[in-house]
Protein backbone atom coordinates (compact mmCIF):
# COMPACT_ATOMS: atom_id res chain seq x y z
CA MET A 1 1.23 14.95 -35.34
CA LEU A 2 1.18 11.25 -36.09
CA LEU A 3 4.48 9.58 -36.68
CA GLY A 4 4.48 7.38 -39.77
CA TYR A 5 6.51 4.25 -40.17
CA VAL A 6 10.25 4.95 -40.43
CA GLY A 7 12.06 1.75 -41.41
CA PHE A 8 15.77 1.06 -41.32
CA ALA A 9 15.49 0.12 -44.99
CA SER A 10 15.23 3.83 -45.80
CA PHE A 11 18.73 4.46 -44.49
CA ARG A 12 20.81 2.65 -47.08
CA PHE A 13 24.39 3.81 -47.34
CA MET A 14 25.60 1.08 -49.71
CA PRO A 15 25.76 2.23 -53.38
CA SER A 16 23.36 0.66 -55.86
CA VAL A 17 24.61 -1.98 -58.29
CA ASP A 18 25.04 -0.85 -61.89
CA HIS A 19 23.28 -3.47 -63.97
CA GLU A 20 24.32 -1.95 -67.29
CA HIS A 21 27.88 -3.29 -67.11
CA SER A 22 28.98 -6.74 -66.08
CA PRO A 23 32.37 -7.56 -64.49
CA ALA A 24 33.41 -9.22 -67.75
CA GLU A 25 32.93 -5.95 -69.65
CA PHE A 26 35.08 -4.13 -67.10
CA GLN A 27 37.88 -6.57 -67.64
CA LYS A 28 37.74 -6.18 -71.44
CA ASP A 29 37.70 -2.36 -71.40
CA PRO A 30 39.57 -0.45 -68.60
CA LYS A 31 37.96 2.84 -69.68
CA THR A 32 34.49 1.28 -69.46
CA LYS A 33 35.41 -0.10 -66.02
CA LEU A 34 36.54 3.36 -64.86
CA ASP A 35 33.38 5.01 -66.23
CA GLY A 36 31.26 2.39 -64.50
CA SER A 37 33.03 2.93 -61.17
CA ILE A 38 32.55 6.69 -61.40
CA LYS A 39 28.85 6.16 -62.15
CA MET A 40 28.49 3.81 -59.19
CA PHE A 41 30.24 6.36 -56.94
CA ASN A 42 27.94 9.18 -58.07
CA THR A 43 24.88 6.96 -57.51
CA GLY A 44 26.11 6.14 -53.99
CA VAL A 45 26.64 9.80 -53.14
CA SER A 46 23.12 10.59 -54.31
CA SER A 47 21.69 7.71 -52.28
CA LEU A 48 23.62 8.84 -49.21
CA SER A 49 22.33 12.39 -49.63
CA ASN A 50 18.74 11.15 -49.91
CA SER A 51 19.18 8.93 -46.85
CA THR A 52 20.64 11.81 -44.86
CA SER A 53 17.63 13.95 -45.73
CA SER A 54 15.29 11.13 -44.69
CA LEU A 55 17.15 10.77 -41.43
CA GLU A 56 16.96 14.51 -40.73
CA ARG A 57 13.21 14.51 -41.43
CA ALA A 58 12.71 11.55 -39.10
CA VAL A 59 14.70 13.22 -36.32
CA THR A 60 12.66 16.42 -36.77
CA GLU A 61 9.40 14.44 -36.51
CA LEU A 62 10.57 12.61 -33.39
CA ASN A 63 11.65 15.86 -31.69
CA ASP A 64 8.36 17.50 -32.56
CA LEU A 65 6.48 14.50 -31.19
CA ALA A 66 8.46 14.58 -27.94
CA GLN A 67 7.77 18.29 -27.43
CA HIS A 68 4.01 17.80 -27.84
CA THR A 69 3.45 14.57 -25.90
CA ALA A 70 6.36 14.24 -23.45
CA PRO A 71 5.80 10.47 -23.28
CA ASN A 72 6.86 8.42 -20.28
CA PRO A 73 9.75 6.20 -21.47
CA PHE A 74 8.56 3.45 -19.08
CA ASP A 75 4.98 3.48 -20.31
CA SER A 76 4.35 0.09 -21.95
CA LYS A 77 1.71 1.67 -24.18
CA ILE A 78 4.38 3.62 -26.10
CA GLN A 79 6.08 1.39 -28.65
CA ASN A 80 9.34 1.80 -30.52
CA PRO A 81 8.52 4.07 -33.50
CA PHE A 82 10.84 2.01 -35.70
CA GLU A 83 8.84 -1.17 -35.04
CA SER A 84 5.23 -0.23 -35.71
CA LYS A 85 2.98 2.65 -36.53
CA ILE A 86 1.69 4.69 -33.57
CA ASP A 87 -1.91 5.71 -33.97
CA LYS A 88 -2.25 7.37 -30.58
CA ILE A 89 0.09 8.10 -27.70
CA ASP A 90 -1.56 8.36 -24.29
CA PRO A 91 -0.28 10.89 -21.75
CA PRO A 92 1.81 9.44 -18.92
CA VAL A 93 -0.17 7.87 -16.07
CA VAL A 94 1.11 8.59 -12.56
CA THR A 95 0.38 5.68 -10.25
CA PRO A 96 -0.62 7.08 -6.86
CA VAL A 97 0.00 3.89 -4.89
CA VAL A 98 2.66 4.29 -2.22
CA PRO A 99 5.68 2.02 -2.88
CA SER A 100 6.61 -0.59 -0.31
CA PRO A 101 9.86 0.03 1.58
CA SER A 102 12.78 -2.24 0.80
CA THR A 103 12.81 -5.35 3.01
CA GLY A 104 15.12 -7.50 0.94
CA ASN A 105 13.50 -10.83 0.15
CA THR A 106 11.50 -10.88 3.39
CA LYS A 107 7.78 -11.71 3.15
CA TYR A 108 6.20 -11.14 6.53
CA TRP A 109 3.35 -13.13 8.01
CA LEU A 110 2.20 -9.93 9.73
CA ILE A 111 3.01 -6.24 9.50
CA ILE A 112 1.96 -4.07 12.42
CA GLY A 113 1.54 -0.49 11.26
CA ILE A 114 1.96 2.24 13.89
CA PRO A 115 1.50 5.84 12.74
CA THR A 116 2.85 8.35 15.24
CA VAL A 117 2.53 12.12 15.78
CA PRO A 118 3.82 14.48 18.48
CA ARG A 119 1.54 15.35 21.39
CA ARG A 120 1.35 18.39 23.59
CA ASN A 121 4.40 18.83 25.79
CA ASP A 122 6.04 15.92 23.92
CA ILE A 123 4.24 13.30 26.01
CA ASP A 124 5.85 9.93 25.28
CA TYR A 125 3.52 6.97 24.76
CA LEU A 126 5.50 5.50 21.89
CA THR A 127 8.23 4.08 24.15
CA THR A 128 5.73 2.01 26.17
CA THR A 129 3.94 0.91 23.01
CA LEU A 130 7.12 -0.45 21.43
CA GLN A 131 8.55 -1.91 24.63
CA THR A 132 5.43 -3.95 25.37
CA LEU A 133 5.19 -5.04 21.74
CA LEU A 134 8.79 -6.18 21.46
CA GLU A 135 8.42 -8.19 24.67
CA GLN A 136 5.83 -10.30 22.86
CA LEU A 137 8.01 -11.00 19.79
CA PRO A 138 10.44 -13.94 19.88
CA ALA A 139 14.21 -13.60 20.20
CA ASP A 140 14.81 -17.33 19.66
CA LYS A 141 15.49 -18.26 16.05
CA ALA A 142 13.85 -21.64 16.65
CA ASP A 143 10.53 -19.93 17.33
CA PRO A 144 8.17 -20.21 14.30
CA PHE A 145 7.34 -16.50 14.62
CA PHE A 146 10.97 -15.40 14.54
CA GLY A 147 11.47 -12.82 11.79
CA LYS A 148 7.88 -13.23 10.56
CA VAL A 149 6.54 -9.98 12.03
CA GLY A 150 7.50 -6.49 10.89
CA VAL A 151 6.69 -3.40 12.95
CA PHE A 152 6.46 -0.28 10.76
CA VAL A 153 6.59 2.93 12.81
CA MET A 154 5.80 5.88 10.56
CA ASN A 155 6.56 9.44 11.63
CA ASN A 156 3.81 11.69 10.31
CA LYS A 157 5.62 14.87 11.38
CA PRO A 158 9.14 14.49 9.99
CA GLY A 159 11.53 16.97 11.58
CA ASP A 160 9.05 17.92 14.31
CA HIS A 161 8.60 14.79 16.44
CA LYS A 162 11.15 14.72 19.25
CA VAL A 163 9.79 11.56 20.87
CA TYR A 164 10.01 9.63 17.61
CA ASP A 165 13.55 10.86 16.96
CA ARG A 166 14.64 9.85 20.46
CA VAL A 167 13.01 6.40 20.27
CA LYS A 168 14.43 5.75 16.81
CA GLU A 169 17.95 6.62 17.97
CA TYR A 170 17.57 4.38 21.04
CA TYR A 171 16.69 1.33 18.95
CA LYS A 172 18.96 2.04 16.01
CA THR A 173 22.23 3.08 17.65
CA GLY A 174 21.58 3.31 21.40
CA GLU A 175 21.15 0.83 24.21
CA GLY A 176 18.09 -0.72 22.59
CA ALA A 177 19.91 -1.68 19.38
CA GLY A 178 20.22 -5.33 18.43
CA GLY A 179 18.10 -8.30 19.42
CA ARG A 180 14.37 -7.72 19.07
CA ALA A 181 14.97 -4.21 17.69
CA ALA A 182 15.42 -5.92 14.32
CA TYR A 183 11.62 -6.18 14.14
CA LEU A 184 11.33 -2.38 14.00
CA HIS A 185 11.34 -0.31 10.82
CA PHE A 186 11.30 3.48 11.31
CA LEU A 187 9.88 5.43 8.37
CA ASP A 188 9.30 9.11 7.67
CA ASN A 189 6.01 9.76 5.92
CA PRO A 190 6.93 10.49 2.28
CA GLY A 191 3.89 12.79 1.95
CA VAL A 192 2.80 11.43 -1.41
CA VAL A 193 -0.89 11.07 -0.49
CA LYS A 194 -2.28 14.62 -0.54
CA ASP A 195 -5.36 16.22 0.99
CA PRO A 196 -7.99 16.19 -1.80
CA ALA A 197 -9.78 19.27 -0.37
CA PRO A 198 -7.19 21.67 1.10
CA HIS A 199 -9.48 24.62 0.33
CA LEU A 200 -12.22 23.55 2.77
CA PRO A 201 -12.43 25.50 6.06
CA ASP A 202 -12.13 23.57 9.32
CA PRO A 203 -15.43 22.72 11.06
CA ASP A 204 -16.30 23.50 14.67
CA ASP A 205 -15.38 20.23 16.39
CA LEU A 206 -17.97 20.76 19.13
CA HIS A 207 -20.78 21.57 16.66
CA ASN A 208 -20.25 19.31 13.69
CA PRO A 209 -23.39 17.17 13.19
CA THR A 210 -22.19 15.69 9.87
CA ASN A 211 -18.73 14.79 11.26
CA ARG A 212 -17.05 16.63 8.41
CA PRO A 213 -13.29 16.27 8.84
CA GLY A 214 -11.01 19.27 9.12
CA ARG A 215 -7.49 19.53 7.71
CA GLY A 216 -5.90 17.63 10.58
CA VAL A 217 -8.34 14.72 10.32
CA ARG A 218 -8.08 14.59 6.53
CA LYS A 219 -4.32 14.40 6.91
CA GLN A 220 -4.83 11.54 9.34
CA THR A 221 -6.69 9.65 6.61
CA CYS A 222 -3.98 10.41 4.04
CA ASP A 223 -1.33 9.22 6.50
CA LEU A 224 -3.27 6.03 7.15
CA VAL A 225 -3.52 5.32 3.42
CA THR A 226 0.21 5.88 3.04
CA LEU A 227 1.07 3.36 5.74
CA ILE A 228 -1.29 0.56 4.69
CA GLU A 229 -0.26 0.83 1.04
CA MET A 230 3.35 0.27 2.04
CA ALA A 231 2.43 -3.15 3.40
CA ARG A 232 0.24 -4.44 0.60
CA ASP A 233 2.87 -6.54 -1.20
CA ILE A 234 5.19 -7.64 1.60
CA SER A 235 2.94 -9.36 4.13
CA ASP A 236 0.09 -11.84 4.43
CA TYR A 237 -1.72 -9.83 7.09
CA TYR A 238 -1.77 -6.26 8.34
CA LEU A 239 -2.66 -5.03 11.84
CA PHE A 240 -3.71 -1.45 12.57
CA MET A 241 -2.19 -0.15 15.78
CA GLU A 242 -1.96 3.29 17.40
CA ASP A 243 1.03 4.79 19.17
CA ASP A 244 -0.67 5.06 22.59
CA PHE A 245 -1.64 1.43 23.25
CA ALA A 246 0.25 -1.14 25.30
CA VAL A 247 0.31 -4.75 24.11
CA CYS A 248 -1.35 -7.23 26.43
CA PRO A 249 0.44 -10.42 27.60
CA HIS A 250 0.50 -13.28 25.06
CA PHE A 251 -0.67 -10.87 22.37
CA THR A 252 1.21 -12.50 19.48
CA ARG A 253 0.02 -16.02 20.31
CA ALA A 254 -3.56 -14.86 20.82
CA LEU A 255 -3.58 -12.96 17.52
CA HIS A 256 -2.22 -15.98 15.65
CA TYR A 257 -4.92 -18.14 17.22
CA VAL A 258 -7.66 -15.67 16.20
CA ILE A 259 -6.44 -15.45 12.59
CA GLU A 260 -6.10 -19.21 12.19
CA LYS A 261 -9.50 -19.85 13.72
CA ALA A 262 -11.12 -17.27 11.43
CA ASN A 263 -9.42 -18.90 8.44
CA THR A 264 -11.04 -22.18 9.45
CA VAL A 265 -14.58 -21.17 10.39
CA GLN A 266 -15.00 -18.17 8.05
CA PRO A 267 -12.28 -18.30 5.34
CA ASP A 268 -13.53 -15.24 3.46
CA TRP A 269 -13.51 -12.98 6.54
CA LEU A 270 -13.18 -9.28 5.83
CA SER A 271 -11.43 -8.17 9.02
CA LEU A 272 -10.76 -9.22 12.61
CA ARG A 273 -11.26 -6.99 15.65
CA VAL A 274 -9.16 -7.54 18.78
CA SER A 275 -9.38 -3.98 20.16
CA TYR A 276 -11.07 -0.61 19.52
CA GLY A 277 -10.45 2.60 17.58
CA MET A 278 -8.40 2.46 14.37
CA ASN A 279 -6.42 -0.05 16.34
CA GLY A 280 -6.47 -3.80 16.82
CA ILE A 281 -7.92 -4.44 13.36
CA ALA A 282 -6.39 -7.26 11.32
CA MET A 283 -6.85 -7.52 7.56
CA LYS A 284 -5.57 -9.71 4.79
CA SER A 285 -2.99 -7.64 2.93
CA SER A 286 -4.66 -8.65 -0.33
CA ASP A 287 -7.68 -6.56 0.77
CA ILE A 288 -5.65 -3.40 1.37
CA PRO A 289 -6.15 -1.96 -2.16
CA MET A 290 -9.92 -2.21 -1.73
CA LEU A 291 -9.91 -0.33 1.59
CA SER A 292 -7.30 2.15 0.41
CA ALA A 293 -9.36 3.09 -2.62
CA TYR A 294 -12.40 3.69 -0.42
CA LEU A 295 -10.47 5.90 2.02
CA ARG A 296 -8.98 7.92 -0.83
CA GLU A 297 -12.37 8.45 -2.43
CA HIS A 298 -14.08 9.70 0.75
CA THR A 299 -11.26 11.48 2.60
CA ALA A 300 -13.07 14.83 2.66
CA ARG A 301 -16.42 13.41 3.79
CA LEU A 302 -15.76 11.57 7.07
CA PRO A 303 -12.91 10.85 9.52
CA PRO A 304 -10.99 7.61 8.92
CA ASP A 305 -12.55 5.67 11.81
CA LEU A 306 -16.07 6.50 10.58
CA LEU A 307 -15.11 5.62 7.00
CA TRP A 308 -13.87 2.30 8.32
CA GLN A 309 -17.17 1.67 10.11
CA GLU A 310 -19.10 2.55 6.95
CA PHE A 311 -16.89 0.31 4.85
CA VAL A 312 -17.12 -2.87 6.95
CA ALA A 313 -20.86 -2.41 7.51
CA GLY A 314 -21.52 -1.88 3.80
CA ASN A 315 -23.57 1.20 4.65
CA ASN A 316 -23.46 2.72 1.18
CA PRO A 317 -23.73 1.13 -2.27
CA GLU A 318 -20.04 1.51 -3.05
CA ALA A 319 -18.94 -0.17 0.17
CA LYS A 320 -21.55 -2.90 -0.16
CA LYS A 321 -20.42 -3.67 -3.69
CA SER A 322 -16.80 -3.93 -2.51
CA ILE A 323 -17.29 -6.27 0.43
CA GLY A 324 -20.26 -8.34 -0.72
CA ARG A 325 -21.32 -10.71 2.08
CA ARG A 326 -17.96 -10.88 3.78
CA LYS A 327 -18.02 -10.43 7.54
CA ILE A 328 -16.02 -8.71 10.24
CA MET A 329 -15.07 -11.19 12.97
CA VAL A 330 -14.65 -10.07 16.59
CA TYR A 331 -12.55 -11.75 19.27
CA LYS A 332 -14.16 -11.96 22.69
CA TYR A 333 -11.24 -10.33 24.53
CA ASN A 334 -9.43 -7.02 24.11
CA LEU A 335 -5.71 -7.50 23.33
CA LEU A 336 -4.49 -3.87 23.41
CA ASP A 337 -4.64 -1.51 26.38
CA HIS A 338 -5.17 2.22 25.82
CA ILE A 339 -2.59 4.24 27.76
CA GLY A 340 -3.00 7.66 26.14
CA THR A 341 -4.68 10.48 28.05
CA ILE A 342 -3.29 13.33 25.93
CA SER A 343 -4.82 13.40 22.46
CA SER A 344 -3.06 14.47 19.29
CA PHE A 345 -6.03 16.83 18.74
CA ALA A 346 -6.63 20.01 20.70
CA ILE A 347 -10.31 19.33 21.45
CA ARG A 348 -11.54 16.02 22.86
CA PRO A 349 -14.71 15.75 24.95
CA ASN A 350 -14.74 13.61 28.12
CA ARG A 351 -15.21 9.95 27.33
CA PRO A 352 -16.20 6.77 29.20
CA LYS A 353 -13.58 4.33 30.43
CA TRP A 354 -11.89 2.13 27.86
CA PRO A 355 -11.65 -1.68 28.20
CA GLY A 356 -8.33 -2.99 29.54
CA CYS A 357 -6.37 -6.14 28.78
CA TYR A 358 -8.62 -9.15 28.20
CA ASP A 359 -11.75 -7.20 29.08
CA SER A 360 -14.82 -8.12 27.07
CA MET A 361 -15.28 -6.72 23.58
CA ALA A 362 -19.06 -7.06 24.00
CA ASP A 363 -19.76 -3.55 25.33
CA VAL A 364 -17.17 -1.21 23.85
CA TRP A 365 -19.02 2.11 23.73
CA SER A 366 -17.15 3.51 20.72
CA LEU A 367 -17.83 0.63 18.33
CA GLN A 368 -20.85 -0.08 16.17
CA LYS A 369 -22.73 -3.27 16.97
CA ILE A 370 -21.22 -5.44 14.24
CA GLU A 371 -17.73 -4.64 15.59
CA THR A 372 -18.52 -5.81 19.13
CA PHE A 373 -18.52 -9.38 20.37
CA ASP A 374 -22.00 -10.90 20.31
CA ALA A 375 -22.19 -12.55 23.74
CA ARG A 376 -25.87 -13.38 23.36
CA GLN A 377 -25.44 -15.31 20.12
CA CYS A 378 -22.08 -16.85 21.05
CA PRO A 379 -22.09 -17.53 24.82
CA SER A 380 -19.86 -20.60 24.48
CA ASP A 381 -17.57 -19.30 21.76
CA ASP A 382 -14.75 -16.75 21.75
CA MET A 383 -15.41 -15.31 18.31
CA SER A 384 -18.49 -13.79 16.71
CA PRO A 385 -20.45 -14.08 14.59
CA CYS A 386 -20.60 -17.82 15.26
CA ASN A 387 -22.60 -19.88 12.81
CA PHE A 388 -23.10 -23.57 13.57
CA ASN A 389 -23.11 -24.27 9.84
CA THR A 390 -19.42 -23.36 9.66
CA PRO A 391 -16.92 -26.24 9.96
CA ARG A 392 -16.50 -25.86 13.74
CA PRO A 393 -15.46 -29.51 14.33
CA ALA A 394 -12.44 -28.90 12.07
CA TRP A 395 -11.28 -26.35 14.63
CA ALA A 396 -12.64 -27.52 17.98
CA GLY A 397 -12.83 -31.29 17.49
CA LYS A 398 -15.84 -33.59 17.32
CA ASP A 399 -15.92 -34.14 21.10
CA ASN A 400 -16.73 -30.46 21.63
CA LEU A 401 -19.54 -30.24 19.09
CA ILE A 402 -22.35 -31.00 21.59
CA LYS A 403 -21.07 -28.40 24.03
CA PHE A 404 -21.26 -25.69 21.36
CA HIS A 405 -24.94 -26.44 20.75
CA LYS A 406 -25.99 -26.20 24.40
């Protein structure tokens, strides 16, 4: 039912003026004055009765409208019914984006997102991951990086992750509290991003030619979306990191160098690779909504690392439309060292050796070609792709220009 205009003018409780008798006539004839007052009183009662009926009808219409539409009181599309006519009321829209955690007024230069899950026999890699990371973050307030990095550790198995609980307690209230521990933010996964295909049966991991993800892998994608969406509004850059990698020496300085160089030679870069897996990938936080939407749309089709590869390569029309001609940049050296030997998944085939700290990113077996360092094209550079048409002198200096062309 449409709600018509209900104006405050309809609810008049003041009696109408009797124009048949003037004040002068009342003064000349007391009886006429009394009769006029009685008439005015009766008119007022009638007006009040009519107004009460109008009010009751309006309340009935509003209640009926509320029962049929249940409008969201915070929906800006729904206007005050006393101000203008409503032709159509849309149903409430639930925004699926994960809210950012409260960080006060802090805007980080970088957020490092570390999702964590329990492993068989409660193997603890998380302690080493955080210890090596915190060692690379400054404790001196005079350092330009002080307070500019946030480490978000998200527990994807709330209530069932003993290692996470122990590490959190150590840094929050135990011996590790204070100092660099202020960089850490421990978060339980709120579980708001749901599996879009819970009805699908799990595939055979050893015979799965299309790489269709099972429930556990789809949850991994949902968890990844949850974590990156938390960072979208509170940082300039976001770094993907896993809970079984150690941070290499001088990691923070090297990462800052890589980002600033990319901003100079390829300002519209899509992402930066400094390691392998869903790990060691830097993005501009302003690009998170674009990636998040892609992961949400294709959660049931491929695992998150393969969706990432498809996205940055522009291997389907949707991805290509999103990224345009923007490029993934790759640093020559690996900055994160894989320490995990026990996977979070039950089945994992034997794999070749992973690169260690500052090993070359040119021959990482798990990465597609565009995500590896191009040593042939860029033998004298430390980032690829390297295009001599980019403003290299602005970064390296004019004296080094000839050397780059040799």
